[in-house]
Amino acid sequence: IAPYLQRVMTGEEVRYEAERVGRDGKRRFVDVHYLPHFAEDGRVLGHFGIVHDITTRKQNEHLLEYLATHDQ
């Protein structure tokens, strides 16, 4: 995570997907989007982070890939 935060603190938007294991032990896929928070003078004051759970989408992508590459 640190390299992504270093990039966002230079003013760059950063977005990536990651796999995480939840407290319940289940694998989850997330889409992470960091946005810099700028001061009026253009300095980066900090960042905003948005995280979306994309587990269902990833499961559907894997299922479609399997169906497309295997016989019935």
C-alpha atoms as a PDB file:
ATOM      1  CA  ILE A   1       0.000   0.000   0.000  1.00  0.00           C
ATOM      2  CA  ALA A   2       2.842   2.411   0.791  1.00  0.00           C
ATOM      3  CA  PRO A   3       3.998   2.837  -2.854  1.00  0.00           C
ATOM      4  CA  TYR A   4       0.431   3.711  -3.860  1.00  0.00           C
ATOM      5  CA  LEU A   5       0.145   6.301  -1.092  1.00  0.00           C
ATOM      6  CA  GLN A   6       3.494   7.816  -2.059  1.00  0.00           C
ATOM      7  CA  ARG A   7       2.192   8.253  -5.613  1.00  0.00           C
ATOM      8  CA  VAL A   8      -1.082   9.829  -4.493  1.00  0.00           C
ATOM      9  CA  MET A   9       0.796  12.240  -2.222  1.00  0.00           C
ATOM     10  CA  THR A  10       2.604  13.543  -5.328  1.00  0.00           C
ATOM     11  CA  GLY A  11      -0.800  14.460  -6.802  1.00  0.00           C
ATOM     12  CA  GLU A  12      -1.471  11.348  -8.870  1.00  0.00           C
ATOM     13  CA  GLU A  13      -4.783   9.445  -8.837  1.00  0.00           C
ATOM     14  CA  VAL A  14      -4.167   5.774  -8.119  1.00  0.00           C
ATOM     15  CA  ARG A  15      -6.484   2.828  -8.783  1.00  0.00           C
ATOM     16  CA  TYR A  16      -5.883  -0.895  -8.434  1.00  0.00           C
ATOM     17  CA  GLU A  17      -7.584  -4.198  -7.668  1.00  0.00           C
ATOM     18  CA  ALA A  18      -6.515  -6.402  -4.785  1.00  0.00           C
ATOM     19  CA  GLU A  19      -7.433  -9.664  -3.138  1.00  0.00           C
ATOM     20  CA  ARG A  20      -7.963  -9.624   0.619  1.00  0.00           C
ATOM     21  CA  VAL A  21      -8.913 -12.160   3.254  1.00  0.00           C
ATOM     22  CA  GLY A  22     -11.670 -10.925   5.557  1.00  0.00           C
ATOM     23  CA  ARG A  23     -11.995 -11.472   9.275  1.00  0.00           C
ATOM     24  CA  ASP A  24     -14.289 -14.379   8.472  1.00  0.00           C
ATOM     25  CA  GLY A  25     -11.480 -16.034   6.473  1.00  0.00           C
ATOM     26  CA  LYS A  26     -13.223 -15.541   3.110  1.00  0.00           C
ATOM     27  CA  ARG A  27     -11.371 -14.182   0.091  1.00  0.00           C
ATOM     28  CA  ARG A  28     -12.677 -10.834  -1.146  1.00  0.00           C
ATOM     29  CA  PHE A  29     -11.707  -8.790  -4.168  1.00  0.00           C
ATOM     30  CA  VAL A  30     -11.701  -5.014  -3.897  1.00  0.00           C
ATOM     31  CA  ASP A  31     -11.267  -2.073  -6.240  1.00  0.00           C
ATOM     32  CA  VAL A  32      -9.225   0.633  -4.479  1.00  0.00           C
ATOM     33  CA  HIS A  33      -9.197   4.236  -5.694  1.00  0.00           C
ATOM     34  CA  TYR A  34      -7.043   6.912  -4.041  1.00  0.00           C
ATOM     35  CA  LEU A  35      -7.589  10.587  -4.863  1.00  0.00           C
ATOM     36  CA  PRO A  36      -5.323  13.418  -3.721  1.00  0.00           C
ATOM     37  CA  HIS A  37      -6.842  16.205  -1.613  1.00  0.00           C
ATOM     38  CA  PHE A  38      -5.407  19.503  -2.836  1.00  0.00           C
ATOM     39  CA  ALA A  39      -5.085  22.824  -1.012  1.00  0.00           C
ATOM     40  CA  GLU A  40      -6.016  26.013  -2.854  1.00  0.00           C
ATOM     41  CA  ASP A  41      -2.349  26.620  -3.635  1.00  0.00           C
ATOM     42  CA  GLY A  42      -1.987  23.177  -5.260  1.00  0.00           C
ATOM     43  CA  ARG A  43      -0.215  21.393  -2.404  1.00  0.00           C
ATOM     44  CA  VAL A  44      -1.415  17.902  -1.569  1.00  0.00           C
ATOM     45  CA  LEU A  45      -2.898  17.935   1.920  1.00  0.00           C
ATOM     46  CA  GLY A  46      -3.801  14.265   2.085  1.00  0.00           C
ATOM     47  CA  HIS A  47      -5.905  11.767   0.221  1.00  0.00           C
ATOM     48  CA  PHE A  48      -9.341  10.214  -0.071  1.00  0.00           C
ATOM     49  CA  GLY A  49      -9.711   6.470  -0.421  1.00  0.00           C
ATOM     50  CA  ILE A  50     -12.673   4.658  -1.966  1.00  0.00           C
ATOM     51  CA  VAL A  51     -12.934   0.881  -1.740  1.00  0.00           C
ATOM     52  CA  HIS A  52     -15.557  -1.222  -3.550  1.00  0.00           C
ATOM     53  CA  ASP A  53     -16.141  -4.927  -3.008  1.00  0.00           C
ATOM     54  CA  ILE A  54     -15.953  -6.523  -6.476  1.00  0.00           C
ATOM     55  CA  THR A  55     -15.980 -10.166  -5.334  1.00  0.00           C
ATOM     56  CA  THR A  56     -19.189 -11.055  -7.199  1.00  0.00           C
ATOM     57  CA  ARG A  57     -17.893  -9.479 -10.414  1.00  0.00           C
ATOM     58  CA  LYS A  58     -14.617 -11.419 -10.174  1.00  0.00           C
ATOM     59  CA  GLN A  59     -16.487 -14.690  -9.539  1.00  0.00           C
ATOM     60  CA  ASN A  60     -18.664 -14.050 -12.597  1.00  0.00           C
ATOM     61  CA  GLU A  61     -15.599 -13.245 -14.739  1.00  0.00           C
ATOM     62  CA  HIS A  62     -13.958 -16.516 -13.703  1.00  0.00           C
ATOM     63  CA  LEU A  63     -17.158 -18.466 -14.414  1.00  0.00           C
ATOM     64  CA  LEU A  64     -17.500 -16.903 -17.879  1.00  0.00           C
ATOM     65  CA  GLU A  65     -13.855 -17.683 -18.651  1.00  0.00           C
ATOM     66  CA  TYR A  66     -14.364 -21.293 -17.557  1.00  0.00           C
ATOM     67  CA  LEU A  67     -17.556 -21.688 -19.635  1.00  0.00           C
ATOM     68  CA  ALA A  68     -15.858 -20.175 -22.688  1.00  0.00           C
ATOM     69  CA  THR A  69     -12.896 -22.566 -22.535  1.00  0.00           C
ATOM     70  CA  HIS A  70     -14.522 -25.892 -21.525  1.00  0.00           C
ATOM     71  CA  ASP A  71     -16.912 -28.223 -23.300  1.00  0.00           C
ATOM     72  CA  GLN A  72     -20.327 -28.898 -21.815  1.00  0.00           C
END
